[in-house]
N, C-alpha and C. Protein backbone atom coordinates (compact mmCIF):
# COMPACT_ATOMS: atom_id res chain seq x y z
N MET A 1 -50.39 53.62 -1.90
CA MET A 1 -50.87 52.94 -3.32
C MET A 1 -51.67 51.84 -3.43
N ASN A 2 -52.73 51.95 -4.02
CA ASN A 2 -53.60 51.23 -5.26
C ASN A 2 -53.00 51.12 -6.23
N ARG A 3 -53.45 49.75 -6.50
CA ARG A 3 -53.10 49.39 -8.14
C ARG A 3 -53.78 50.63 -9.72
N ASP A 4 -54.68 50.74 -8.65
CA ASP A 4 -55.22 52.21 -9.39
C ASP A 4 -54.48 53.07 -9.53
N THR A 5 -54.24 53.81 -8.61
CA THR A 5 -53.50 54.98 -8.62
C THR A 5 -51.81 54.79 -9.19
N LEU A 6 -51.45 55.64 -9.74
CA LEU A 6 -49.91 55.54 -9.77
C LEU A 6 -49.40 56.84 -9.59
N HIS A 7 -48.25 57.23 -8.62
CA HIS A 7 -47.21 58.14 -8.72
C HIS A 7 -46.06 58.49 -10.47
N VAL A 8 -46.84 59.56 -10.58
CA VAL A 8 -46.33 60.48 -11.95
C VAL A 8 -45.31 61.57 -11.87
N VAL A 9 -43.91 61.49 -11.97
CA VAL A 9 -43.45 62.80 -11.53
C VAL A 9 -43.37 63.82 -12.70
N CYS A 10 -44.18 65.22 -12.67
CA CYS A 10 -43.92 66.01 -13.39
C CYS A 10 -42.72 66.33 -14.07
N PRO A 11 -42.65 66.43 -15.43
CA PRO A 11 -41.45 66.37 -16.16
C PRO A 11 -40.86 68.33 -16.04
N HIS A 12 -41.82 69.24 -15.17
CA HIS A 12 -41.19 70.24 -15.61
C HIS A 12 -41.06 70.71 -14.54
N CYS A 13 -41.78 70.76 -13.20
CA CYS A 13 -41.55 71.21 -12.06
C CYS A 13 -40.89 69.72 -10.89
N HIS A 14 -40.99 69.07 -11.56
CA HIS A 14 -40.81 67.35 -10.37
C HIS A 14 -41.42 67.28 -9.46
N THR A 15 -42.62 67.67 -9.80
CA THR A 15 -43.49 67.40 -8.42
C THR A 15 -44.17 66.10 -8.74
N THR A 16 -44.22 65.23 -7.81
CA THR A 16 -45.12 63.84 -7.42
C THR A 16 -46.31 63.98 -7.64
N ASN A 17 -47.19 63.65 -8.44
CA ASN A 17 -48.55 64.07 -9.01
C ASN A 17 -49.38 62.04 -8.63
N ARG A 18 -50.70 62.77 -8.12
CA ARG A 18 -51.09 60.94 -8.30
C ARG A 18 -52.13 61.29 -9.43
N VAL A 19 -51.76 59.72 -10.16
CA VAL A 19 -52.69 59.63 -11.33
C VAL A 19 -53.55 58.63 -11.29
N ARG A 20 -54.68 58.71 -11.41
CA ARG A 20 -55.48 57.12 -11.48
C ARG A 20 -55.00 56.51 -12.77
N ALA A 21 -54.36 55.70 -13.13
CA ALA A 21 -54.33 54.72 -13.84
C ALA A 21 -55.38 54.80 -14.93
N ASP A 22 -56.17 55.04 -14.91
CA ASP A 22 -57.25 54.46 -15.70
C ASP A 22 -57.38 56.59 -16.92
N GLN A 23 -57.09 57.20 -16.08
CA GLN A 23 -56.44 58.69 -16.73
C GLN A 23 -54.98 59.09 -17.30
N LEU A 24 -54.66 57.93 -17.18
CA LEU A 24 -53.09 58.68 -18.18
C LEU A 24 -53.13 59.01 -19.23
N GLU A 25 -54.31 58.26 -20.13
CA GLU A 25 -53.79 58.93 -21.38
C GLU A 25 -54.56 59.93 -21.62
N ALA A 26 -55.60 60.64 -20.45
CA ALA A 26 -56.43 61.78 -21.08
C ALA A 26 -55.49 63.10 -20.89
N ALA A 27 -54.55 63.35 -20.63
CA ALA A 27 -53.77 64.25 -21.11
C ALA A 27 -54.08 64.96 -19.08
N PRO A 28 -53.22 63.98 -18.39
CA PRO A 28 -53.49 64.90 -16.95
C PRO A 28 -52.11 65.70 -17.06
N ASP A 29 -52.82 66.72 -16.22
CA ASP A 29 -51.79 68.30 -15.54
C ASP A 29 -51.44 67.87 -14.36
N CYS A 30 -50.47 68.37 -13.84
CA CYS A 30 -49.61 68.60 -12.72
C CYS A 30 -50.01 69.49 -11.89
N GLY A 31 -50.54 68.70 -10.64
CA GLY A 31 -51.41 69.51 -9.73
C GLY A 31 -50.48 70.85 -8.60
N ARG A 32 -49.76 70.68 -9.02
CA ARG A 32 -48.44 72.36 -8.76
C ARG A 32 -48.49 73.36 -9.98
N CYS A 33 -47.98 72.80 -10.87
CA CYS A 33 -47.22 73.78 -12.33
C CYS A 33 -48.10 73.61 -13.04
N HIS A 34 -49.59 72.80 -13.11
CA HIS A 34 -50.31 72.84 -14.37
C HIS A 34 -50.15 72.60 -15.80
N GLN A 35 -48.65 72.04 -15.48
CA GLN A 35 -48.26 72.00 -17.04
C GLN A 35 -48.70 70.46 -17.36
N PRO A 36 -48.39 69.98 -18.75
CA PRO A 36 -49.11 68.70 -18.93
C PRO A 36 -47.77 67.68 -18.11
N LEU A 37 -48.27 66.75 -17.94
CA LEU A 37 -47.98 65.53 -16.99
C LEU A 37 -46.53 64.68 -18.22
N PHE A 38 -47.21 64.34 -19.46
CA PHE A 38 -46.82 64.24 -20.73
C PHE A 38 -46.96 65.05 -21.65
N THR A 39 -45.69 65.39 -22.80
CA THR A 39 -45.54 65.97 -23.68
C THR A 39 -44.72 65.16 -24.80
N ALA A 40 -44.84 63.87 -25.17
CA ALA A 40 -44.26 63.04 -25.99
C ALA A 40 -43.10 63.70 -26.24
N HIS A 41 -42.04 64.09 -25.34
CA HIS A 41 -40.69 64.70 -26.03
C HIS A 41 -39.93 63.84 -24.59
N PRO A 42 -38.56 63.61 -24.51
CA PRO A 42 -37.59 63.09 -23.84
C PRO A 42 -37.73 64.73 -22.76
N VAL A 43 -37.25 64.24 -21.42
CA VAL A 43 -36.67 65.35 -20.43
C VAL A 43 -35.95 65.02 -20.15
N ALA A 44 -34.68 66.10 -20.35
CA ALA A 44 -33.19 66.15 -19.64
C ALA A 44 -33.04 66.60 -18.21
N LEU A 45 -33.11 66.00 -17.84
CA LEU A 45 -32.56 65.93 -16.07
C LEU A 45 -31.05 65.97 -15.55
N ASP A 46 -30.91 66.32 -14.20
CA ASP A 46 -29.74 66.10 -13.89
C ASP A 46 -29.82 65.57 -12.54
N ALA A 47 -28.77 65.60 -11.68
CA ALA A 47 -28.82 64.18 -10.83
C ALA A 47 -29.58 64.32 -10.16
N ALA A 48 -30.39 65.86 -9.24
CA ALA A 48 -31.62 65.63 -8.44
C ALA A 48 -32.71 65.28 -9.20
N ALA A 49 -33.05 65.44 -10.10
CA ALA A 49 -34.48 65.44 -10.88
C ALA A 49 -34.30 64.02 -11.42
N PHE A 50 -33.45 63.10 -11.30
CA PHE A 50 -33.07 61.70 -12.00
C PHE A 50 -33.52 61.12 -11.44
N GLU A 51 -32.93 61.26 -9.68
CA GLU A 51 -33.35 60.49 -8.23
C GLU A 51 -34.79 60.49 -8.38
N ARG A 52 -35.81 61.76 -8.54
CA ARG A 52 -36.81 62.34 -8.37
C ARG A 52 -37.60 61.00 -9.11
N HIS A 53 -37.27 60.88 -10.57
CA HIS A 53 -38.14 60.52 -11.05
C HIS A 53 -37.47 59.18 -11.41
N LEU A 54 -36.84 58.39 -10.78
CA LEU A 54 -36.31 57.30 -10.01
C LEU A 54 -36.75 56.25 -9.26
N GLU A 55 -37.30 57.43 -8.00
CA GLU A 55 -37.45 56.96 -6.60
C GLU A 55 -38.75 57.03 -6.59
N ARG A 56 -39.49 57.71 -7.41
CA ARG A 56 -41.05 58.56 -6.91
C ARG A 56 -41.77 58.26 -8.17
N SER A 57 -41.83 57.93 -9.23
CA SER A 57 -42.53 57.80 -9.89
C SER A 57 -42.93 56.11 -10.55
N ASP A 58 -44.35 55.87 -10.29
CA ASP A 58 -44.70 54.15 -10.41
C ASP A 58 -44.34 53.45 -12.08
N LEU A 59 -43.88 55.16 -12.75
CA LEU A 59 -43.55 54.46 -14.46
C LEU A 59 -42.29 54.33 -14.29
N PRO A 60 -42.64 53.05 -15.48
CA PRO A 60 -40.77 52.82 -16.36
C PRO A 60 -40.16 54.01 -16.72
N LEU A 61 -39.07 53.95 -16.41
CA LEU A 61 -38.07 54.87 -16.42
C LEU A 61 -37.19 54.06 -17.92
N LEU A 62 -36.85 54.90 -19.13
CA LEU A 62 -36.30 54.96 -20.09
C LEU A 62 -35.15 56.40 -20.38
N VAL A 63 -33.86 55.89 -19.74
CA VAL A 63 -32.96 56.96 -19.89
C VAL A 63 -32.00 56.42 -21.20
N ASP A 64 -31.65 57.58 -21.75
CA ASP A 64 -30.56 57.83 -22.76
C ASP A 64 -29.66 58.41 -22.59
N PHE A 65 -28.37 58.02 -21.78
CA PHE A 65 -27.10 58.33 -21.28
C PHE A 65 -26.28 58.73 -22.82
N TRP A 66 -26.08 60.08 -23.07
CA TRP A 66 -25.56 60.50 -24.36
C TRP A 66 -24.15 61.98 -23.52
N ALA A 67 -23.94 62.37 -24.84
CA ALA A 67 -22.93 63.73 -24.67
C ALA A 67 -23.41 64.12 -26.21
N PRO A 68 -23.20 65.75 -26.57
CA PRO A 68 -22.99 66.22 -27.52
C PRO A 68 -22.22 66.31 -28.38
N TRP A 69 -20.62 65.52 -27.87
CA TRP A 69 -20.32 65.33 -29.03
C TRP A 69 -20.15 64.05 -29.95
N CYS A 70 -20.91 64.02 -29.53
CA CYS A 70 -21.18 61.80 -29.49
C CYS A 70 -21.63 61.58 -31.38
N GLY A 71 -21.40 61.43 -31.97
CA GLY A 71 -22.05 61.26 -33.21
C GLY A 71 -23.50 59.87 -33.11
N PRO A 72 -23.28 59.12 -32.73
CA PRO A 72 -23.78 58.24 -32.55
C PRO A 72 -24.81 58.82 -31.73
N CYS A 73 -24.66 59.42 -30.90
CA CYS A 73 -25.71 60.18 -29.75
C CYS A 73 -26.48 60.65 -31.07
N ARG A 74 -26.08 61.66 -31.32
CA ARG A 74 -27.04 62.71 -32.70
C ARG A 74 -27.78 61.93 -33.36
N MET A 75 -27.26 60.93 -33.82
CA MET A 75 -27.91 59.96 -35.14
C MET A 75 -29.12 59.72 -34.59
N MET A 76 -29.29 59.43 -32.85
CA MET A 76 -30.12 58.41 -32.69
C MET A 76 -31.03 59.66 -31.75
N ALA A 77 -30.79 60.98 -31.93
CA ALA A 77 -31.62 61.40 -31.07
C ALA A 77 -33.04 61.76 -31.76
N PRO A 78 -32.95 61.84 -32.97
CA PRO A 78 -35.09 62.12 -33.65
C PRO A 78 -35.58 60.47 -33.45
N HIS A 79 -34.87 59.72 -33.32
CA HIS A 79 -35.13 58.31 -32.74
C HIS A 79 -35.86 58.53 -31.79
N PHE A 80 -35.27 58.67 -30.70
CA PHE A 80 -35.54 58.38 -29.26
C PHE A 80 -36.73 59.57 -28.74
N GLU A 81 -36.89 60.64 -29.35
CA GLU A 81 -37.88 61.54 -29.33
C GLU A 81 -39.12 60.82 -30.09
N ALA A 82 -38.96 60.79 -31.60
CA ALA A 82 -39.76 59.71 -31.89
C ALA A 82 -40.86 58.45 -30.80
N ALA A 83 -40.08 57.85 -30.31
CA ALA A 83 -40.58 56.73 -29.40
C ALA A 83 -40.91 57.31 -27.88
N ALA A 84 -40.75 58.25 -27.79
CA ALA A 84 -41.05 58.95 -26.32
C ALA A 84 -42.43 59.35 -26.75
N ALA A 85 -42.96 59.53 -28.41
CA ALA A 85 -44.41 60.11 -28.63
C ALA A 85 -45.50 58.43 -28.30
N GLN A 86 -44.58 57.45 -28.98
CA GLN A 86 -44.90 56.25 -29.00
C GLN A 86 -44.96 55.63 -27.95
N LEU A 87 -44.38 55.67 -26.91
CA LEU A 87 -44.64 54.97 -25.75
C LEU A 87 -45.32 55.61 -24.41
N GLU A 88 -45.10 57.26 -24.52
CA GLU A 88 -45.89 57.47 -23.18
C GLU A 88 -47.43 57.56 -23.87
N PRO A 89 -47.89 57.40 -22.42
CA PRO A 89 -47.97 57.96 -21.10
C PRO A 89 -47.55 56.98 -20.54
N HIS A 90 -46.86 55.54 -21.19
CA HIS A 90 -46.88 54.38 -20.17
C HIS A 90 -45.34 54.16 -19.65
N VAL A 91 -44.50 54.98 -20.06
CA VAL A 91 -42.64 55.00 -19.81
C VAL A 91 -42.48 56.58 -20.33
N ARG A 92 -41.61 57.12 -19.09
CA ARG A 92 -41.10 58.14 -19.17
C ARG A 92 -39.58 58.08 -19.78
N LEU A 93 -39.43 58.89 -20.51
CA LEU A 93 -38.46 58.59 -21.57
C LEU A 93 -37.39 60.39 -20.73
N VAL A 94 -36.37 59.87 -20.96
CA VAL A 94 -35.15 61.01 -20.23
C VAL A 94 -33.89 61.20 -21.01
N LYS A 95 -32.81 61.83 -20.89
CA LYS A 95 -32.12 62.02 -21.20
C LYS A 95 -30.82 62.86 -20.32
N VAL A 96 -29.87 61.78 -19.84
CA VAL A 96 -28.75 62.24 -18.92
C VAL A 96 -27.89 62.82 -19.96
N ASN A 97 -27.08 64.35 -20.20
CA ASN A 97 -25.70 64.38 -20.46
C ASN A 97 -24.92 64.18 -20.11
N THR A 98 -23.93 62.97 -20.29
CA THR A 98 -22.79 62.26 -19.18
C THR A 98 -21.70 63.41 -19.34
N GLU A 99 -21.77 64.30 -20.21
CA GLU A 99 -20.47 65.74 -20.08
C GLU A 99 -20.94 66.46 -18.74
N GLU A 100 -22.21 66.64 -18.87
CA GLU A 100 -23.00 67.84 -18.00
C GLU A 100 -23.16 66.70 -16.34
N GLN A 101 -23.60 65.62 -16.44
CA GLN A 101 -23.83 64.89 -15.26
C GLN A 101 -22.53 63.17 -15.22
N PRO A 102 -21.38 64.01 -14.97
CA PRO A 102 -20.14 62.40 -14.88
C PRO A 102 -20.44 61.39 -13.64
N ALA A 103 -21.00 62.41 -12.62
CA ALA A 103 -21.29 61.45 -11.37
C ALA A 103 -22.63 60.48 -11.84
N LEU A 104 -23.24 61.31 -12.61
CA LEU A 104 -24.27 60.03 -12.27
C LEU A 104 -24.27 58.63 -13.35
N ALA A 105 -23.30 59.34 -14.59
CA ALA A 105 -23.08 58.31 -15.43
C ALA A 105 -22.58 57.40 -15.11
N ALA A 106 -21.51 57.82 -14.06
CA ALA A 106 -20.17 56.93 -13.45
C ALA A 106 -20.91 56.20 -12.45
N ARG A 107 -22.04 56.49 -11.62
CA ARG A 107 -22.68 55.92 -10.73
C ARG A 107 -23.35 54.60 -11.47
N TRP A 108 -23.84 54.83 -11.94
CA TRP A 108 -24.70 53.81 -13.34
C TRP A 108 -23.63 52.93 -14.06
N GLY A 109 -22.70 52.90 -14.02
CA GLY A 109 -21.55 52.18 -14.87
C GLY A 109 -21.68 52.56 -16.12
N ILE A 110 -21.71 53.61 -16.94
CA ILE A 110 -21.90 53.80 -18.15
C ILE A 110 -20.59 53.90 -18.57
N ARG A 111 -20.60 53.39 -19.61
CA ARG A 111 -19.03 52.95 -20.73
C ARG A 111 -18.87 53.59 -21.69
N SER A 112 -19.95 53.24 -22.04
CA SER A 112 -19.74 54.00 -23.74
C SER A 112 -21.23 54.79 -24.01
N ILE A 113 -21.22 55.38 -24.66
CA ILE A 113 -22.53 56.26 -25.02
C ILE A 113 -23.05 56.09 -26.50
N PRO A 114 -23.99 56.23 -26.62
CA PRO A 114 -25.13 56.09 -26.32
C PRO A 114 -25.34 54.99 -25.62
N THR A 115 -26.07 54.94 -24.36
CA THR A 115 -26.82 53.88 -23.65
C THR A 115 -28.61 54.01 -23.02
N LEU A 116 -28.69 53.01 -23.46
CA LEU A 116 -30.41 53.29 -23.28
C LEU A 116 -30.49 52.12 -21.96
N VAL A 117 -30.64 52.72 -20.58
CA VAL A 117 -31.52 51.94 -19.74
C VAL A 117 -32.35 52.17 -19.39
N LEU A 118 -33.37 51.09 -19.03
CA LEU A 118 -34.40 50.92 -18.75
C LEU A 118 -34.59 50.46 -16.99
N TRP A 119 -35.78 51.60 -16.30
CA TRP A 119 -35.90 51.06 -15.12
C TRP A 119 -37.55 50.78 -14.75
N ALA A 120 -37.96 49.80 -13.99
CA ALA A 120 -38.99 49.91 -13.82
C ALA A 120 -39.00 49.20 -12.06
N GLY A 121 -40.00 49.46 -11.37
CA GLY A 121 -40.05 49.48 -9.90
C GLY A 121 -39.14 49.69 -9.15
N GLY A 122 -38.16 50.92 -9.83
CA GLY A 122 -36.85 51.39 -9.47
C GLY A 122 -35.84 50.68 -9.53
N ARG A 123 -36.10 49.31 -10.28
CA ARG A 123 -34.92 48.74 -10.64
C ARG A 123 -34.51 48.35 -11.87
N GLU A 124 -33.29 48.81 -12.35
CA GLU A 124 -32.91 48.61 -13.89
C GLU A 124 -33.09 46.98 -14.13
N VAL A 125 -34.26 46.58 -15.61
CA VAL A 125 -33.99 45.56 -15.91
C VAL A 125 -33.72 45.30 -17.52
N ALA A 126 -32.90 46.84 -18.19
CA ALA A 126 -32.31 46.26 -19.12
C ALA A 126 -31.56 47.47 -19.55
N ARG A 127 -29.99 46.85 -20.44
CA ARG A 127 -29.38 47.95 -20.77
C ARG A 127 -28.68 47.88 -22.16
N GLN A 128 -28.95 48.70 -23.32
CA GLN A 128 -28.41 48.57 -24.38
C GLN A 128 -27.70 49.13 -24.73
N SER A 129 -26.48 49.23 -25.51
CA SER A 129 -25.46 50.31 -25.64
C SER A 129 -25.43 50.39 -27.00
N GLY A 130 -25.21 51.55 -27.83
CA GLY A 130 -25.14 51.76 -29.32
C GLY A 130 -26.45 52.72 -29.41
N ALA A 131 -26.29 53.13 -30.71
CA ALA A 131 -27.30 53.61 -31.30
C ALA A 131 -28.40 52.70 -31.96
N MET A 132 -29.61 52.98 -31.36
CA MET A 132 -30.91 52.26 -32.01
C MET A 132 -31.99 52.96 -32.41
N GLY A 133 -33.11 52.23 -34.04
CA GLY A 133 -33.55 53.30 -34.58
C GLY A 133 -34.79 53.31 -33.62
N GLN A 134 -36.02 54.28 -34.03
CA GLN A 134 -37.31 54.42 -33.77
C GLN A 134 -38.03 53.33 -33.15
N GLY A 135 -38.22 52.09 -34.20
CA GLY A 135 -38.65 51.09 -33.99
C GLY A 135 -37.89 49.88 -33.13
N ASP A 136 -36.70 49.73 -33.21
CA ASP A 136 -35.74 49.39 -32.31
C ASP A 136 -36.07 49.31 -30.75
N ILE A 137 -35.97 50.69 -30.78
CA ILE A 137 -36.37 51.36 -28.96
C ILE A 137 -37.87 51.18 -28.29
N VAL A 138 -38.78 51.19 -29.86
CA VAL A 138 -40.09 51.07 -28.89
C VAL A 138 -39.60 49.08 -28.84
N ARG A 139 -39.46 48.44 -29.65
CA ARG A 139 -39.58 46.90 -29.38
C ARG A 139 -38.72 46.44 -28.11
N TRP A 140 -37.67 47.19 -28.16
CA TRP A 140 -36.83 46.65 -26.92
C TRP A 140 -37.23 46.91 -25.30
N VAL A 141 -37.94 47.98 -25.64
CA VAL A 141 -38.89 48.48 -24.08
C VAL A 141 -40.16 47.52 -24.09
N HIS A 142 -40.60 47.32 -25.15
CA HIS A 142 -41.78 46.60 -24.71
C HIS A 142 -41.45 44.80 -24.19
N ALA A 143 -40.62 44.59 -25.15
CA ALA A 143 -39.69 43.20 -24.80
C ALA A 143 -39.28 42.85 -23.15
N ALA A 144 -38.88 44.18 -23.35
CA ALA A 144 -37.94 43.86 -21.53
C ALA A 144 -38.38 44.54 -20.76
N LEU A 145 -40.19 45.02 -20.90
CA LEU A 145 -41.10 45.27 -19.92
C LEU A 145 -42.26 44.02 -20.24
N THR A 146 -42.72 43.21 -20.98
CA THR A 146 -42.88 42.05 -20.99
C THR A 146 -42.31 40.87 -20.62
N SER A 147 -40.97 41.15 -20.22
CA SER A 147 -40.45 39.67 -20.08
C SER A 147 -40.02 39.54 -18.54
N ARG A 148 -41.21 40.91 -17.52
CA ARG A 148 -40.89 40.98 -16.09
C ARG A 148 -41.97 40.46 -15.87
N HIS A 149 -42.66 39.98 -16.56
CA HIS A 149 -44.01 40.02 -15.80
C HIS A 149 -43.81 37.93 -15.61
């Protein structure tokens, strides 16, 4: 795959699509289900879908590990939602409910929630525990991705 073309996993059917980098902001649709590849909203993932997004997408993946009973998680949810609108289409934001996906949380060593983990190129590049506001999330992601280069 050349640098001008990216693999992007569909948030709806989880099919891997090839998208020209210069077309990311042109609201591309999935070649299989024809839904938008970017919705400006975090995507809730189970373990199988999480693996597809982590392994097959060229986009950085920002994951919010959370649980419905967690007050700070609920407090951060609208900020994470707003951050998705700012960071897409260059970063995919997803949510993993640790109550529904305990094995996934255990695999990645999630000890407290909410925990944000940022992956790029299939590797973890940053981790932050505790609730954050929208601006802090966006700045943290940009700083983590900038420090990789």
